[in-house]
Protein backbone atom coordinates (compact mmCIF):
# COMPACT_ATOMS: atom_id res chain seq x y z
CA MET A 1 11.65 -54.10 10.98
CA GLY A 2 7.94 -53.36 9.86
CA LEU A 3 5.38 -55.84 8.69
CA PHE A 4 2.98 -56.38 5.82
CA SER A 5 -0.34 -57.47 6.82
CA ARG A 6 -1.63 -59.44 3.75
CA LYS A 7 -5.36 -59.43 3.57
CA LYS A 8 -5.80 -59.89 -0.08
CA LYS A 9 -3.49 -59.79 -3.18
CA PRO A 10 -4.20 -60.09 -6.91
CA GLU A 11 -3.22 -63.26 -8.40
CA GLU A 12 0.31 -63.15 -9.73
CA GLY A 13 0.58 -62.44 -13.45
CA ALA A 14 -3.10 -62.00 -13.82
CA PRO A 15 -4.23 -59.24 -16.13
CA GLN A 16 -5.18 -56.01 -14.43
CA ALA A 17 -8.58 -54.85 -15.28
CA PRO A 18 -8.80 -51.15 -16.19
CA GLU A 19 -9.55 -48.82 -13.35
CA ALA A 20 -13.33 -48.54 -12.74
CA GLU A 21 -14.80 -45.39 -11.49
CA PRO A 22 -16.83 -45.86 -8.25
CA ALA A 23 -20.41 -46.96 -9.05
CA GLU A 24 -23.06 -44.39 -8.59
CA PRO A 25 -25.22 -45.15 -5.50
CA ALA A 26 -28.61 -46.46 -6.52
CA GLU A 27 -31.51 -44.34 -5.89
CA PRO A 28 -32.81 -45.68 -2.64
CA GLU A 29 -29.12 -45.39 -1.25
CA LYS A 30 -29.04 -41.87 -2.41
CA LYS A 31 -32.06 -41.14 -0.30
CA GLY A 32 -30.71 -42.96 2.62
CA MET A 33 -27.37 -40.86 2.23
CA LEU A 34 -29.53 -37.66 2.38
CA ALA A 35 -31.63 -39.14 5.34
CA LYS A 36 -28.32 -39.68 7.16
CA LEU A 37 -26.93 -36.31 6.41
CA THR A 38 -30.14 -34.51 7.42
CA ARG A 39 -30.14 -36.40 10.67
CA ALA A 40 -26.36 -35.56 11.26
CA ILE A 41 -27.05 -31.80 10.83
CA SER A 42 -30.56 -31.95 12.29
CA LYS A 43 -29.64 -29.58 15.15
CA THR A 44 -29.05 -26.93 12.52
CA ARG A 45 -32.64 -25.97 11.93
CA MET A 46 -32.80 -22.92 9.65
CA VAL A 47 -35.92 -23.75 7.76
CA LEU A 48 -37.61 -25.60 10.63
CA ASN A 49 -37.09 -22.61 12.92
CA ARG A 50 -40.33 -20.66 13.24
CA ARG A 51 -38.43 -17.39 13.62
CA VAL A 52 -36.48 -17.85 10.37
CA LEU A 53 -39.66 -19.08 8.58
CA GLY A 54 -41.38 -15.94 9.95
CA VAL A 55 -39.00 -13.57 8.35
CA VAL A 56 -38.40 -14.98 4.93
CA GLY A 57 -41.95 -16.46 4.26
CA LEU A 58 -43.97 -13.28 4.51
CA GLY A 59 -43.22 -12.03 1.06
CA GLN A 60 -42.26 -8.61 2.23
CA LYS A 61 -39.90 -6.10 0.63
CA ILE A 62 -36.42 -6.53 2.07
CA ASP A 63 -34.98 -3.70 4.31
CA GLU A 64 -32.47 -3.27 6.98
CA ASP A 65 -35.26 -3.99 9.63
CA ILE A 66 -35.83 -7.37 7.88
CA LEU A 67 -32.35 -8.25 7.67
CA GLU A 68 -31.78 -7.60 11.34
CA LYS A 69 -34.56 -9.76 12.23
CA LEU A 70 -33.21 -12.50 9.85
CA GLU A 71 -29.80 -12.35 11.55
CA GLU A 72 -31.44 -12.67 15.03
CA ALA A 73 -33.49 -15.66 13.80
CA MET A 74 -30.31 -17.37 12.31
CA ILE A 75 -28.45 -17.08 15.71
CA GLU A 76 -31.45 -18.37 17.53
CA ALA A 77 -31.42 -21.33 14.97
CA ASP A 78 -28.04 -22.08 16.31
CA PHE A 79 -26.09 -21.29 13.24
CA GLY A 80 -23.31 -19.73 15.19
CA VAL A 81 -22.03 -16.19 14.95
CA ASP A 82 -19.38 -17.06 12.37
CA THR A 83 -21.84 -18.71 10.15
CA THR A 84 -24.54 -16.11 10.59
CA ASP A 85 -22.09 -13.28 9.71
CA PHE A 86 -21.11 -15.01 6.50
CA LEU A 87 -24.67 -15.72 5.45
CA MET A 88 -25.67 -12.26 6.20
CA ASP A 89 -22.91 -10.74 4.19
CA VAL A 90 -24.13 -13.05 1.21
CA VAL A 91 -27.66 -11.84 1.67
CA ARG A 92 -26.89 -8.18 2.15
CA GLY A 93 -24.61 -8.15 -0.82
CA ALA A 94 -27.27 -9.70 -2.98
CA TRP A 95 -29.94 -7.25 -1.70
CA LYS A 96 -27.76 -4.22 -2.46
CA ASN A 97 -26.90 -5.47 -5.83
CA GLY A 98 -30.50 -5.88 -6.72
CA ASN A 99 -30.33 -9.62 -7.09
CA ILE A 100 -33.12 -10.30 -4.47
CA GLU A 101 -35.96 -7.86 -3.40
CA GLN A 102 -38.53 -9.84 -1.46
CA THR A 103 -38.02 -12.05 1.69
CA THR A 104 -39.30 -14.95 -0.36
CA ASP A 105 -36.17 -14.47 -2.58
CA ILE A 106 -33.76 -15.27 0.09
CA LEU A 107 -33.95 -18.91 0.50
CA PRO A 108 -33.77 -19.73 -3.10
CA PHE A 109 -30.92 -17.32 -3.73
CA LEU A 110 -28.97 -18.72 -0.70
CA ARG A 111 -29.58 -22.28 -1.98
CA LYS A 112 -27.96 -21.61 -5.39
CA ASP A 113 -25.30 -19.17 -4.11
CA LEU A 114 -23.99 -21.71 -1.53
CA LYS A 115 -24.06 -24.75 -3.82
CA GLN A 116 -21.86 -22.61 -6.24
CA ARG A 117 -19.54 -21.65 -3.44
CA LEU A 118 -19.03 -25.15 -2.28
CA THR A 119 -18.53 -26.87 -5.60
CA HIS A 120 -16.47 -24.32 -7.84
CA ARG A 121 -13.10 -25.79 -6.62
CA GLY A 122 -14.11 -29.34 -7.40
CA ASN A 123 -15.05 -31.89 -4.70
CA ALA A 124 -14.09 -35.05 -6.39
CA VAL A 125 -10.86 -36.97 -5.48
CA HIS A 126 -8.29 -36.75 -8.02
CA PHE A 127 -6.95 -40.34 -8.97
CA SER A 128 -3.79 -40.82 -10.87
CA PRO A 129 -4.01 -42.08 -14.41
CA THR A 130 -1.33 -44.81 -13.29
CA LYS A 131 -1.43 -46.77 -10.27
CA PRO A 132 -1.09 -46.14 -7.33
CA THR A 133 -2.69 -42.95 -6.46
CA VAL A 134 -1.01 -41.61 -3.34
CA ILE A 135 -3.21 -39.99 -0.76
CA LEU A 136 -1.56 -38.48 2.31
CA VAL A 137 -3.86 -37.80 5.26
CA VAL A 138 -3.03 -35.09 7.76
CA GLY A 139 -4.49 -33.51 10.91
CA VAL A 140 -3.93 -33.00 14.34
CA ASN A 141 -4.31 -35.62 17.18
CA GLY A 142 -7.95 -35.77 18.33
CA ALA A 143 -9.65 -34.71 15.18
CA GLY A 144 -10.57 -38.11 14.23
CA LYS A 145 -7.84 -38.67 11.77
CA THR A 146 -7.28 -42.49 12.47
CA THR A 147 -10.85 -43.30 12.21
CA SER A 148 -11.26 -41.23 9.06
CA ILE A 149 -8.50 -42.93 7.24
CA ALA A 150 -10.30 -46.30 7.94
CA LYS A 151 -13.52 -44.90 6.55
CA LEU A 152 -11.71 -43.57 3.50
CA ALA A 153 -10.09 -47.12 2.90
CA TYR A 154 -13.47 -48.93 3.42
CA TRP A 155 -15.03 -46.41 0.90
CA LEU A 156 -12.21 -46.97 -1.68
CA GLU A 157 -12.44 -50.76 -1.32
CA GLN A 158 -16.24 -50.69 -1.69
CA SER A 159 -15.77 -48.62 -4.79
CA GLY A 160 -13.65 -51.52 -6.30
CA ARG A 161 -10.03 -49.96 -5.64
CA HIS A 162 -7.56 -52.09 -3.89
CA VAL A 163 -5.90 -50.06 -0.91
CA VAL A 164 -2.48 -50.40 0.97
CA LEU A 165 -2.53 -48.48 4.26
CA ALA A 166 0.81 -46.97 5.51
CA ALA A 167 0.65 -46.51 9.23
CA ALA A 168 3.37 -43.70 9.26
CA ASP A 169 2.14 -41.91 12.43
CA THR A 170 4.73 -44.21 14.15
CA PHE A 171 4.84 -42.05 17.32
CA ARG A 172 1.29 -43.15 18.36
CA ALA A 173 1.37 -46.88 18.98
CA ALA A 174 -2.29 -46.83 19.70
CA ALA A 175 -3.05 -45.26 16.25
CA VAL A 176 -1.15 -47.93 14.57
CA GLU A 177 -2.76 -50.75 16.36
CA GLN A 178 -6.24 -49.27 15.63
CA LEU A 179 -5.36 -49.08 11.95
CA LYS A 180 -4.21 -52.78 11.89
CA THR A 181 -7.45 -53.74 13.50
CA TRP A 182 -9.54 -51.67 10.96
CA SER A 183 -7.45 -53.08 7.93
CA GLY A 184 -8.43 -56.47 9.12
CA ARG A 185 -12.07 -55.57 9.14
CA ILE A 186 -11.87 -53.65 5.78
CA GLY A 187 -9.77 -56.42 3.90
CA CYS A 188 -6.86 -54.28 2.83
CA GLU A 189 -3.20 -54.49 3.53
CA ILE A 190 -1.41 -52.37 5.98
CA VAL A 191 2.44 -51.52 6.31
CA THR A 192 3.75 -50.73 9.64
CA GLY A 193 7.00 -50.04 11.32
CA ALA A 194 8.65 -50.02 14.93
CA GLU A 195 7.32 -47.62 17.43
CA LYS A 196 8.95 -44.17 16.81
CA ALA A 197 10.48 -45.51 13.39
CA ASP A 198 11.07 -42.87 10.74
CA PRO A 199 7.61 -42.26 9.14
CA ALA A 200 9.16 -41.69 5.81
CA SER A 201 10.70 -45.29 5.88
CA VAL A 202 7.29 -46.67 6.32
CA ALA A 203 5.91 -44.61 3.42
CA HIS A 204 8.84 -45.87 1.27
CA ARG A 205 8.15 -49.56 2.01
CA ALA A 206 4.32 -49.00 1.69
CA ALA A 207 5.11 -47.51 -1.76
CA GLU A 208 7.19 -50.34 -2.82
CA ARG A 209 4.42 -52.76 -1.73
CA ALA A 210 1.72 -50.90 -3.44
CA LEU A 211 3.73 -51.00 -6.59
CA GLU A 212 4.40 -54.72 -6.09
CA ILE A 213 0.86 -55.89 -5.92
CA GLY A 214 -0.54 -53.38 -8.36
CA ALA A 215 -2.69 -51.54 -5.56
CA ASP A 216 -4.82 -48.79 -6.77
CA VAL A 217 -4.43 -46.45 -3.89
CA LEU A 218 -1.64 -45.85 -1.14
CA LEU A 219 -3.24 -44.34 1.78
CA VAL A 220 -0.54 -42.66 4.20
CA ASP A 221 -1.31 -41.80 7.77
CA THR A 222 1.02 -38.92 9.01
CA ALA A 223 2.01 -37.79 12.33
CA GLY A 224 -0.69 -35.65 14.07
CA ARG A 225 1.98 -33.73 16.14
CA LEU A 226 2.04 -30.00 15.19
CA HIS A 227 5.46 -28.95 16.62
CA THR A 228 6.22 -26.08 14.41
CA GLN A 229 5.28 -25.43 10.87
CA LYS A 230 8.91 -26.17 9.85
CA ASN A 231 8.92 -29.56 11.34
CA LEU A 232 5.62 -30.50 9.81
CA MET A 233 6.78 -29.42 6.35
CA ASP A 234 10.15 -31.32 6.83
CA GLU A 235 8.36 -34.39 7.85
CA LEU A 236 5.86 -34.39 5.06
CA ARG A 237 8.53 -33.53 2.47
CA LYS A 238 10.48 -36.64 3.53
CA ILE A 239 7.20 -38.64 3.14
CA ARG A 240 6.56 -37.07 -0.25
CA ASN A 241 10.20 -37.94 -1.34
CA ALA A 242 9.87 -41.41 -0.14
CA CYS A 243 7.02 -42.10 -2.48
CA ALA A 244 8.52 -40.27 -5.22
CA ALA A 245 11.81 -42.21 -4.85
CA LYS A 246 9.54 -45.27 -5.79
CA LYS A 247 9.00 -43.48 -9.19
CA ILE A 248 5.19 -42.90 -8.32
CA GLU A 249 4.83 -39.84 -10.63
CA GLY A 250 3.01 -36.87 -9.18
CA ALA A 251 2.78 -38.20 -5.75
CA PRO A 252 1.07 -37.42 -3.50
CA HIS A 253 -1.88 -36.96 -5.66
CA GLU A 254 -4.21 -35.75 -2.96
CA THR A 255 -3.41 -34.23 0.63
CA ILE A 256 -6.47 -34.72 2.76
CA LEU A 257 -6.71 -32.66 5.92
CA VAL A 258 -8.98 -34.04 8.64
CA LEU A 259 -10.74 -31.52 10.69
CA ASP A 260 -12.88 -31.81 13.73
CA SER A 261 -16.24 -30.21 12.72
CA THR A 262 -17.15 -29.31 16.36
CA THR A 263 -14.14 -27.03 16.98
CA GLY A 264 -15.15 -23.97 14.95
CA GLN A 265 -12.47 -21.38 14.76
CA ASN A 266 -9.81 -23.91 15.97
CA ALA A 267 -10.55 -26.10 12.78
CA VAL A 268 -10.09 -23.02 10.60
CA THR A 269 -6.78 -22.07 12.44
CA GLN A 270 -5.54 -25.60 11.95
CA ALA A 271 -6.65 -25.71 8.17
CA GLU A 272 -4.56 -22.46 7.56
CA MET A 273 -1.52 -24.05 9.13
CA PHE A 274 -1.71 -27.18 7.34
CA LYS A 275 -2.56 -25.56 4.03
CA GLN A 276 0.72 -23.55 4.21
CA ALA A 277 2.78 -26.59 5.39
CA ALA A 278 1.23 -29.49 3.40
CA ASP A 279 -0.27 -28.14 0.18
CA VAL A 280 -3.62 -29.50 1.10
CA THR A 281 -5.90 -30.34 -1.59
CA GLY A 282 -9.04 -31.38 0.10
CA LEU A 283 -10.88 -31.40 3.54
CA PHE A 284 -12.36 -34.32 5.45
CA LEU A 285 -14.82 -32.73 8.03
CA ALA A 286 -15.22 -35.41 10.75
CA LYS A 287 -17.68 -35.65 13.58
CA LEU A 288 -20.31 -33.53 11.61
CA ASP A 289 -22.87 -35.48 13.42
CA GLY A 290 -21.73 -34.25 16.61
CA THR A 291 -22.07 -30.53 16.02
CA ALA A 292 -25.12 -28.29 16.38
CA LYS A 293 -23.56 -25.99 13.71
CA GLY A 294 -23.57 -27.80 10.53
CA GLY A 295 -23.27 -24.35 8.91
CA ALA A 296 -19.59 -24.66 10.06
CA VAL A 297 -19.08 -26.53 6.49
CA LEU A 298 -19.89 -23.26 4.88
CA THR A 299 -17.43 -21.01 6.88
CA ILE A 300 -14.61 -23.44 6.73
CA ASN A 301 -15.06 -23.85 2.98
CA GLU A 302 -15.02 -20.15 2.66
CA LYS A 303 -12.17 -19.10 4.90
CA VAL A 304 -9.79 -21.96 4.12
CA GLU A 305 -10.43 -21.85 0.37
CA VAL A 306 -9.82 -25.75 -0.09
CA PRO A 307 -12.57 -27.80 -1.21
CA VAL A 308 -14.62 -30.14 1.18
CA LYS A 309 -14.24 -33.66 -0.24
CA PHE A 310 -15.57 -35.91 2.56
CA VAL A 311 -17.90 -35.62 5.52
CA GLY A 312 -17.93 -38.06 8.66
CA LEU A 313 -21.44 -38.61 10.12
CA GLY A 314 -20.83 -41.03 12.70
CA GLU A 315 -18.50 -43.88 14.16
CA LYS A 316 -19.33 -46.82 11.82
CA LEU A 317 -17.06 -47.42 8.77
CA GLU A 318 -19.94 -46.61 6.35
CA ASP A 319 -20.78 -43.29 8.21
CA MET A 320 -18.85 -41.15 5.74
CA GLN A 321 -19.91 -39.70 2.47
CA PRO A 322 -18.10 -38.07 -0.46
CA PHE A 323 -19.13 -34.43 -0.04
CA ASP A 324 -22.18 -33.55 -2.30
CA ALA A 325 -23.11 -29.92 -2.08
CA ASP A 326 -26.57 -30.39 -3.45
CA ARG A 327 -27.36 -32.85 -0.75
CA PHE A 328 -25.67 -30.78 1.98
CA VAL A 329 -27.63 -27.62 1.08
CA GLU A 330 -30.85 -29.48 0.81
CA ALA A 331 -30.42 -31.14 4.19
CA LEU A 332 -29.14 -27.88 5.60
CA PHE A 333 -32.22 -25.99 4.49
CA ASP A 334 -34.71 -28.78 4.45
CA LEU A 335 -36.55 -27.46 1.44
CA GLU A 336 -38.86 -30.28 1.02
CA GLY A 337 -40.13 -29.59 4.63
CA LEU A 338 -40.63 -26.02 3.60
CA GLU A 339 -42.74 -26.98 0.76
CA GLU A 340 -45.07 -29.24 2.83
């Protein structure tokens, strides 16, 4: 038998208010978010790196020699080889197409181009028009999945959406206990099962519970064991069917893949496998504060072709942000600092 941990429940028979969109952060909070994001990727110092500024700020006509110097400067700025190669391909393509001619054109062009690349697939969470919205969270063990789920639940609750957590990673007792602790702090319900219970059975009862109490969101943790792609697909299909069996139309409405931003190419490989197996609709890039290569967001976004929807910036519940490409690019390139 599993259990329901009941932290709060709407009054029986009470009229349900129409679902409200999350409030837009106040201006001081927006600035605080940008500051936190800037600190998180502060080790990636493109604009602040003297070599990069020395190349792009001279107002010279772009040629191959200039581009080689820029490539060297990016690597010295700790962008990493993959991100540097990607950015240089973008710059070279723009130069050859006549979109940029002078070195002073490079940063404004990159800023505009990267924002478009990071937003054209849509970064907002898709909420179902009818309750509950079902969000599956997938990812390998060690990527920060459990903590990321807690942060998602906290963000949803803070935005006025009542959450039911389904602890369907039943093969990791520690993960279940961790989620139970987090749910108590957040103030949301959690549905658990016996150790090594069928994950789909937990998802089924959680869906039932979410419908019973009129929850806005059902957030489902899934097993982080890779096994084979077929095993992963089979397990996730069972969880999907469990939600569908409770007549939750369109479930799951989102499948969020948690990736460890510090793992570089491994994160890309994991994303490609999960994308094939799980129909991933969005990425949660965890541990962004722990990497010297904030530019990894760019390469993961480009190679995986799935939109980034959240970034993790620390260990606390509030250390997460819905991904905002404008803020990210501004923080990455620190254009205000350039203008000083």
